[in-house]
Amino acid sequence: MRLIKALLALLFVIAGVLFGALNRRPVDVELGFHTLTDVTLGTALLLALLAGALLAGLVLTLGVVWPLRLRLRRAETPATPAATSPAAAIIAPEPVTIVAPHE
């Protein structure tokens, strides 16, 4: 499994280097508050892809992972008898034993 992960990581690094080498045209990136000048097109596209992946991961974490962790934490806490049912807090009467009369 480790070898497969290493080969997959190497494949992505090679693909990134090739993508950057094939898209060497300089571009200006306008961020709204700042302008990046003379950034290669490959670098700009890879940074935009990285920013999108980070934003998607943040949204997924906030919208799905945290609520599920909270539900799991609540499910793992031991329940008290009063919390499980309101009837458990009521004290039941002592059982009565019936004795048959002697003849």
Protein backbone atom coordinates (compact mmCIF):
# COMPACT_ATOMS: atom_id res chain seq x y z
CA MET A 1 0.00 0.00 0.00
CA ARG A 2 2.87 2.34 0.80
CA LEU A 3 4.40 1.71 -2.61
CA ILE A 4 1.11 2.50 -4.35
CA LYS A 5 0.82 5.80 -2.44
CA ALA A 6 4.41 6.73 -3.29
CA LEU A 7 3.91 5.94 -6.97
CA LEU A 8 0.67 7.91 -7.05
CA ALA A 9 2.35 10.90 -5.40
CA LEU A 10 5.23 10.69 -7.89
CA LEU A 11 2.74 10.56 -10.76
CA PHE A 12 1.02 13.74 -9.53
CA VAL A 13 4.36 15.54 -9.11
CA ILE A 14 5.38 14.61 -12.66
CA ALA A 15 1.99 15.72 -13.99
CA GLY A 16 2.34 19.06 -12.15
CA VAL A 17 5.83 19.66 -13.52
CA LEU A 18 4.69 18.83 -17.06
CA PHE A 19 1.63 21.06 -16.68
CA GLY A 20 3.81 23.94 -15.49
CA ALA A 21 6.36 23.40 -18.28
CA LEU A 22 3.71 23.36 -21.01
CA ASN A 23 1.98 26.54 -19.74
CA ARG A 24 4.86 29.00 -19.44
CA ARG A 25 3.10 32.10 -20.78
CA PRO A 26 3.27 34.98 -18.26
CA VAL A 27 -0.08 36.29 -17.07
CA ASP A 28 -1.29 38.89 -14.56
CA VAL A 29 -3.57 37.62 -11.81
CA GLU A 30 -5.98 40.18 -10.35
CA LEU A 31 -7.02 39.22 -6.83
CA GLY A 32 -9.16 42.29 -6.18
CA PHE A 33 -6.92 43.69 -3.46
CA HIS A 34 -3.58 42.83 -5.10
CA THR A 35 -2.26 42.08 -8.58
CA LEU A 36 0.30 39.38 -9.22
CA THR A 37 2.31 40.22 -12.34
CA ASP A 38 4.31 37.90 -14.58
CA VAL A 39 3.08 34.66 -13.04
CA THR A 40 3.25 31.70 -15.39
CA LEU A 41 -0.09 30.36 -16.53
CA GLY A 42 0.66 26.88 -15.17
CA THR A 43 1.49 28.26 -11.73
CA ALA A 44 -1.65 30.41 -11.70
CA LEU A 45 -3.86 27.48 -12.67
CA LEU A 46 -2.28 25.12 -10.14
CA LEU A 47 -2.64 27.72 -7.37
CA ALA A 48 -6.29 28.26 -8.33
CA LEU A 49 -6.84 24.48 -8.20
CA LEU A 50 -5.16 24.31 -4.79
CA ALA A 51 -7.24 27.22 -3.45
CA GLY A 52 -10.44 25.56 -4.69
CA ALA A 53 -9.51 22.24 -3.09
CA LEU A 54 -8.73 23.94 0.23
CA LEU A 55 -12.00 25.87 0.16
CA ALA A 56 -13.98 22.72 -0.66
CA GLY A 57 -12.24 20.87 2.18
CA LEU A 58 -13.10 23.67 4.60
CA VAL A 59 -16.75 23.68 3.55
CA LEU A 60 -16.91 19.88 3.81
CA THR A 61 -15.31 19.95 7.25
CA LEU A 62 -17.65 22.62 8.59
CA GLY A 63 -20.79 21.20 6.99
CA VAL A 64 -20.34 17.46 7.38
CA VAL A 65 -17.39 16.34 9.50
CA TRP A 66 -17.95 18.50 12.59
CA PRO A 67 -21.69 17.73 12.90
CA LEU A 68 -20.99 14.01 12.55
CA ARG A 69 -18.25 14.19 15.19
CA LEU A 70 -20.64 15.96 17.54
CA ARG A 71 -23.30 13.30 16.99
CA LEU A 72 -20.74 10.56 17.58
CA ARG A 73 -19.51 12.22 20.77
CA ARG A 74 -23.09 12.51 22.05
CA ALA A 75 -23.77 8.88 21.19
CA GLU A 76 -20.64 7.69 23.01
CA THR A 77 -21.37 9.46 26.30
CA PRO A 78 -22.93 7.15 28.90
CA ALA A 79 -26.59 7.84 29.46
CA THR A 80 -27.89 8.40 32.97
CA PRO A 81 -31.06 6.50 33.98
CA ALA A 82 -33.03 9.73 34.34
CA ALA A 83 -31.96 10.79 30.88
CA THR A 84 -33.03 7.56 29.22
CA SER A 85 -36.68 7.64 30.30
CA PRO A 86 -38.73 9.79 32.64
CA ALA A 87 -40.36 6.68 34.11
CA ALA A 88 -37.01 5.48 35.44
CA ALA A 89 -36.98 8.33 37.95
CA ILE A 90 -40.28 7.17 39.53
CA ILE A 91 -39.77 4.81 42.45
CA ALA A 92 -41.66 1.57 42.00
CA PRO A 93 -43.60 0.13 44.97
CA GLU A 94 -42.18 -2.80 46.87
CA PRO A 95 -43.33 -6.18 45.55
CA VAL A 96 -45.96 -7.91 47.68
CA THR A 97 -45.78 -11.65 48.35
CA ILE A 98 -49.05 -13.48 48.84
CA VAL A 99 -49.00 -16.25 51.41
CA ALA A 100 -51.66 -18.96 51.32
CA PRO A 101 -53.45 -19.61 54.66
CA HIS A 102 -52.55 -22.82 56.53
CA GLU A 103 -55.29 -25.41 56.93
